[in-house]
Amino acid sequence: MTKISILGCGWLGLPLAKALIAKGNSVNGSTTSQDKLSILKDARINPFLVTVESESVSENITVFLAESEILIIDIPPKLRTVDPSSEKKVFVEKIKNLIPFIEKSTIQKVLFVSSTSVYGDDNGLVTEETIPNPDTESGKQLVLAEKLLQENQNFKTTILRFAGLIGEDRHPVKFLAGKENIENPDAPVNLIHQNDCIGIIEAIINQSKWNEVFNAAAPFHPIREEYYTQKAAQMNLPLPNFSSEKSNIKKAISSKKIENSLNYQFKLENY
């Protein structure tokens, strides 16, 4: 049995915790909501109310990390309301504040959930060898946070960069449905299903793939206009309307490293 702490039991962290417990692991799970503590407890997760801010971290972070070997960090940057011209890097500061607590704990390995947004809109096939070139504030801060964790010699860090997240209750077509003049109709689609997110994390842990970087996107990249039009029709949503005037992004995320290094097979029937 491995004791694992998951910082952020949200859309991905909660079902991930359940899956890890089902495989015989002990899981500490954190939430920022008092009301959610009972949900974690009912799922046999050891519940903790933990907040990580740019100025401070909850005192109970020490107990949350205690006796765990692995820490999974799954907290989104949430920077949409932050002024990009501000010199203060809010998410980066959060990770900076968290690191001293990791150093003092029993944590030996860290898995940091990141995003393929760190590559910006680079064209062509994107692999782990592609140099990040983020064009959003969240992407820029994710790159800096990754570096902080990777360069720390007190624990081993694996970076897992997910493409667009989908699941039964989450799909970008719901946002695009009925919209007009959507850009980049010919762009490849880069998505990853919640089930594959969990399966890949389990594979990394089971195979001890630490001090690595992995891109995670389903190994199929249909054309954006065709895919989302078809999905909207299947879900009885208003069809999106695309504009061919702005069509210049051809980025396709490769998951060959995951398939080869982890011997992982994607569950393509979910897509």
Protein backbone atom coordinates (compact mmCIF):
# COMPACT_ATOMS: atom_id res chain seq x y z
CA MET A 1 0.00 0.00 0.00
CA THR A 2 1.24 3.47 -0.93
CA LYS A 3 0.11 6.57 0.92
CA ILE A 4 -0.70 9.39 -1.49
CA SER A 5 -1.76 12.99 -0.92
CA ILE A 6 -3.86 14.69 -3.61
CA LEU A 7 -3.86 18.47 -3.40
CA GLY A 8 -7.11 19.40 -5.10
CA CYS A 9 -9.93 16.84 -5.09
CA GLY A 10 -11.98 18.49 -7.82
CA TRP A 11 -13.21 17.29 -11.21
CA LEU A 12 -10.18 15.04 -11.70
CA GLY A 13 -8.76 14.70 -8.19
CA LEU A 14 -11.87 13.16 -6.62
CA PRO A 15 -12.39 10.28 -9.09
CA LEU A 16 -8.61 9.79 -9.16
CA ALA A 17 -8.58 9.37 -5.39
CA LYS A 18 -11.40 6.85 -5.60
CA ALA A 19 -9.52 4.87 -8.26
CA LEU A 20 -6.30 4.84 -6.23
CA ILE A 21 -8.15 3.70 -3.10
CA ALA A 22 -9.82 0.91 -5.11
CA LYS A 23 -6.30 -0.32 -5.97
CA GLY A 24 -5.38 -0.56 -2.26
CA ASN A 25 -3.71 2.81 -1.68
CA SER A 26 -4.35 5.19 1.21
CA VAL A 27 -5.27 8.70 0.06
CA ASN A 28 -5.29 12.07 1.78
CA GLY A 29 -7.43 14.48 -0.20
CA SER A 30 -7.73 18.24 0.06
CA THR A 31 -10.56 20.63 -0.68
CA THR A 32 -11.08 24.33 -0.14
CA SER A 33 -14.78 23.79 0.63
CA GLN A 34 -16.02 22.88 4.10
CA ASP A 35 -19.14 21.33 2.54
CA LYS A 36 -17.06 18.93 0.45
CA LEU A 37 -15.28 17.31 3.42
CA SER A 38 -18.16 14.89 3.95
CA ILE A 39 -18.08 13.88 0.26
CA LEU A 40 -14.40 13.01 0.57
CA LYS A 41 -14.99 11.10 3.78
CA ASP A 42 -17.85 9.09 2.25
CA ALA A 43 -15.44 8.10 -0.56
CA ARG A 44 -12.97 6.72 2.05
CA ILE A 45 -10.60 9.62 1.38
CA ASN A 46 -8.89 11.13 4.43
CA PRO A 47 -10.35 14.67 4.14
CA PHE A 48 -8.42 17.91 4.71
CA LEU A 49 -9.43 21.54 4.34
CA VAL A 50 -6.34 23.08 2.72
CA THR A 51 -5.86 26.44 1.04
CA VAL A 52 -2.69 27.40 -0.82
CA GLU A 53 -2.49 31.13 -1.42
CA SER A 54 0.16 33.45 -2.83
CA GLU A 55 0.78 34.78 0.69
CA SER A 56 0.25 31.73 2.90
CA VAL A 57 -0.63 28.03 3.19
CA SER A 58 -3.06 26.46 5.66
CA GLU A 59 -1.42 25.24 8.87
CA ASN A 60 -2.85 21.75 8.41
CA ILE A 61 -0.79 21.26 5.24
CA THR A 62 1.79 19.52 7.45
CA VAL A 63 -0.73 16.91 8.62
CA PHE A 64 -2.09 16.58 5.08
CA LEU A 65 1.38 15.63 3.80
CA ALA A 66 2.41 13.56 6.83
CA GLU A 67 3.56 9.99 6.11
CA SER A 68 2.72 10.26 2.39
CA GLU A 69 5.26 9.17 -0.20
CA ILE A 70 3.62 10.77 -3.25
CA LEU A 71 2.03 14.19 -3.70
CA ILE A 72 -0.24 14.88 -6.67
CA ILE A 73 -0.72 18.62 -7.25
CA ASP A 74 -3.93 19.25 -9.18
CA ILE A 75 -4.84 22.88 -8.57
CA PRO A 76 -5.65 25.08 -11.61
CA PRO A 77 -4.01 28.49 -12.00
CA LYS A 78 -7.39 30.33 -12.23
CA LEU A 79 -5.84 33.50 -13.61
CA ARG A 80 -8.63 34.83 -15.83
CA THR A 81 -9.28 37.77 -13.50
CA VAL A 82 -5.59 38.54 -12.91
CA ASP A 83 -4.05 41.52 -14.66
CA PRO A 84 -1.44 40.03 -17.05
CA SER A 85 0.67 43.17 -16.70
CA SER A 86 0.98 42.60 -12.95
CA GLU A 87 4.49 41.67 -11.82
CA LYS A 88 3.06 39.36 -9.16
CA LYS A 89 2.83 35.78 -10.39
CA VAL A 90 -0.01 34.53 -8.18
CA PHE A 91 0.08 30.84 -9.11
CA VAL A 92 3.88 30.70 -9.08
CA GLU A 93 3.86 32.24 -5.61
CA LYS A 94 1.44 29.54 -4.45
CA ILE A 95 3.85 26.81 -5.57
CA LYS A 96 6.77 28.68 -3.98
CA ASN A 97 4.89 28.75 -0.66
CA LEU A 98 4.03 25.07 -0.93
CA ILE A 99 7.54 23.77 -1.66
CA PRO A 100 9.07 24.30 1.83
CA PHE A 101 6.30 22.15 3.31
CA ILE A 102 7.00 19.40 0.78
CA GLU A 103 10.71 19.58 1.63
CA LYS A 104 10.02 19.08 5.34
CA SER A 105 7.59 16.20 4.76
CA THR A 106 7.97 12.52 3.89
CA ILE A 107 7.07 13.23 0.25
CA GLN A 108 9.60 11.67 -2.12
CA LYS A 109 7.77 12.08 -5.43
CA VAL A 110 5.59 14.82 -6.87
CA LEU A 111 3.25 14.58 -9.84
CA PHE A 112 2.32 18.03 -11.11
CA VAL A 113 -0.78 18.27 -13.31
CA SER A 114 -0.04 20.87 -15.97
CA SER A 115 -1.44 21.71 -19.40
CA THR A 116 -0.44 21.58 -23.05
CA SER A 117 -1.26 25.31 -23.07
CA VAL A 118 2.42 25.77 -22.17
CA TYR A 119 3.15 25.21 -25.88
CA GLY A 120 0.98 28.12 -26.98
CA ASP A 121 -0.22 27.98 -30.58
CA ASP A 122 2.95 26.48 -32.03
CA ASN A 123 2.17 24.77 -35.31
CA GLY A 124 2.97 21.22 -36.26
CA LEU A 125 3.50 18.14 -34.14
CA VAL A 126 4.24 18.93 -30.50
CA THR A 127 6.30 16.49 -28.41
CA GLU A 128 7.95 16.63 -25.02
CA GLU A 129 11.05 17.92 -26.82
CA THR A 130 9.16 20.99 -28.05
CA ILE A 131 10.24 24.10 -26.13
CA PRO A 132 7.26 25.66 -24.28
CA ASN A 133 6.14 28.95 -25.78
CA PRO A 134 2.99 29.94 -23.86
CA ASP A 135 0.84 32.82 -25.08
CA THR A 136 -1.53 32.97 -22.09
CA GLU A 137 -0.81 34.11 -18.55
CA SER A 138 -1.84 30.75 -17.10
CA GLY A 139 0.48 28.95 -19.54
CA LYS A 140 3.37 31.22 -18.62
CA GLN A 141 2.88 30.64 -14.90
CA LEU A 142 2.50 26.89 -15.35
CA VAL A 143 5.92 26.79 -17.05
CA LEU A 144 7.49 28.67 -14.14
CA ALA A 145 5.76 26.42 -11.59
CA GLU A 146 6.95 23.31 -13.44
CA LYS A 147 10.52 24.59 -13.34
CA LEU A 148 10.38 25.31 -9.60
CA LEU A 149 9.34 21.74 -8.87
CA GLN A 150 11.66 20.08 -11.40
CA GLU A 151 14.74 21.91 -10.11
CA ASN A 152 14.15 20.98 -6.47
CA GLN A 153 16.53 18.20 -5.41
CA ASN A 154 14.54 17.20 -2.31
CA PHE A 155 12.01 15.18 -4.30
CA LYS A 156 11.48 13.75 -7.77
CA THR A 157 8.95 15.51 -10.00
CA THR A 158 7.04 14.29 -13.02
CA ILE A 159 5.16 16.86 -15.10
CA LEU A 160 1.96 15.68 -16.78
CA ARG A 161 0.63 18.09 -19.41
CA PHE A 162 -3.01 17.39 -20.24
CA ALA A 163 -4.75 18.54 -23.42
CA GLY A 164 -8.39 19.72 -23.30
CA LEU A 165 -10.22 17.81 -20.57
CA ILE A 166 -13.44 15.98 -21.35
CA GLY A 167 -15.73 13.58 -19.51
CA GLU A 168 -19.40 12.69 -19.25
CA ASP A 169 -20.22 16.06 -17.66
CA ARG A 170 -17.56 18.12 -19.40
CA HIS A 171 -17.03 18.77 -23.10
CA PRO A 172 -15.95 21.91 -25.01
CA VAL A 173 -18.76 21.41 -27.53
CA LYS A 174 -21.18 22.69 -24.85
CA PHE A 175 -19.30 25.99 -24.91
CA LEU A 176 -19.10 26.12 -28.72
CA ALA A 177 -22.70 25.04 -29.43
CA GLY A 178 -24.64 27.67 -31.37
CA LYS A 179 -21.72 30.10 -31.57
CA GLU A 180 -20.93 31.98 -34.77
CA ASN A 181 -17.66 32.68 -36.61
CA ILE A 182 -15.53 30.28 -34.57
CA GLU A 183 -11.87 30.47 -35.57
CA ASN A 184 -9.55 27.74 -36.82
CA PRO A 185 -12.04 25.25 -38.31
CA ASP A 186 -9.18 23.19 -39.81
CA ALA A 187 -7.18 22.91 -36.58
CA PRO A 188 -6.55 19.43 -35.15
CA VAL A 189 -8.50 18.57 -32.00
CA ASN A 190 -6.42 17.84 -28.87
CA LEU A 191 -8.46 16.25 -26.09
CA ILE A 192 -7.99 13.85 -23.17
CA HIS A 193 -10.79 11.97 -21.39
CA GLN A 194 -11.04 11.87 -17.61
CA ASN A 195 -10.73 8.06 -17.67
CA ASP A 196 -7.45 8.28 -19.58
CA CYS A 197 -6.19 11.01 -17.21
CA ILE A 198 -6.70 8.62 -14.30
CA GLY A 199 -5.27 5.63 -16.17
CA ILE A 200 -2.11 7.54 -17.13
CA ILE A 201 -1.53 8.78 -13.56
CA GLU A 202 -1.96 5.24 -12.25
CA ALA A 203 0.56 3.99 -14.84
CA ILE A 204 3.13 6.64 -13.83
CA ILE A 205 2.79 5.66 -10.17
CA ASN A 206 2.79 1.89 -10.77
CA GLN A 207 5.82 2.07 -13.07
CA SER A 208 7.70 4.68 -10.99
CA LYS A 209 8.15 7.06 -13.92
CA TRP A 210 9.61 10.01 -12.04
CA ASN A 211 11.68 12.99 -13.20
CA GLU A 212 9.82 12.84 -16.50
CA VAL A 213 7.62 15.07 -18.66
CA PHE A 214 4.61 13.59 -20.44
CA ASN A 215 2.15 15.11 -22.91
CA ALA A 216 -1.30 13.54 -22.67
CA ALA A 217 -3.73 13.84 -25.56
CA ALA A 218 -5.74 11.16 -27.28
CA PRO A 219 -3.83 9.85 -30.32
CA PHE A 220 -6.46 11.00 -32.79
CA HIS A 221 -6.81 14.53 -34.07
CA PRO A 222 -9.95 15.06 -36.16
CA ILE A 223 -10.56 18.41 -37.83
CA ARG A 224 -12.11 20.88 -35.40
CA GLU A 225 -15.14 21.86 -37.50
CA GLU A 226 -16.06 18.28 -38.39
CA TYR A 227 -15.59 16.95 -34.86
CA TYR A 228 -17.54 19.61 -32.98
CA THR A 229 -20.34 19.73 -35.55
CA GLN A 230 -20.74 15.97 -35.23
CA LYS A 231 -20.60 16.09 -31.41
CA ALA A 232 -23.19 18.89 -31.23
CA ALA A 233 -25.55 16.85 -33.42
CA GLN A 234 -25.05 13.73 -31.27
CA MET A 235 -25.83 15.72 -28.10
CA ASN A 236 -28.82 17.55 -29.64
CA LEU A 237 -27.10 20.92 -29.24
CA PRO A 238 -27.24 23.89 -31.64
CA LEU A 239 -24.60 23.42 -34.31
CA PRO A 240 -21.53 25.69 -34.11
CA ASN A 241 -20.67 27.87 -37.07
CA PHE A 242 -17.02 28.17 -38.09
CA SER A 243 -15.27 30.89 -40.05
CA SER A 244 -12.57 30.04 -42.60
CA GLU A 245 -11.15 33.56 -42.47
CA LYS A 246 -8.98 32.78 -39.44
CA SER A 247 -7.48 29.35 -39.86
CA ASN A 248 -3.80 29.23 -39.01
CA ILE A 249 -3.33 26.89 -36.03
CA LYS A 250 -2.23 23.33 -36.84
CA LYS A 251 -0.94 22.21 -33.42
CA ALA A 252 -1.25 18.49 -32.75
CA ILE A 253 -0.11 17.08 -29.39
CA SER A 254 1.76 13.78 -29.63
CA SER A 255 1.30 11.17 -26.89
CA LYS A 256 3.79 8.71 -28.38
CA LYS A 257 5.97 8.91 -25.27
CA ILE A 258 3.06 7.85 -23.06
CA GLU A 259 2.15 5.01 -25.41
CA ASN A 260 5.75 3.78 -25.67
CA SER A 261 7.25 4.55 -22.25
CA LEU A 262 4.19 3.58 -20.20
CA ASN A 263 2.86 1.01 -22.68
CA TYR A 264 -0.45 2.79 -22.26
CA GLN A 265 -3.44 2.25 -24.54
CA PHE A 266 -6.00 5.06 -24.77
CA LYS A 267 -9.69 4.24 -24.27
CA LEU A 268 -10.76 5.78 -27.58
CA GLU A 269 -14.40 4.67 -27.31
CA ASN A 270 -14.91 7.53 -24.81
CA TYR A 271 -14.31 10.22 -27.41
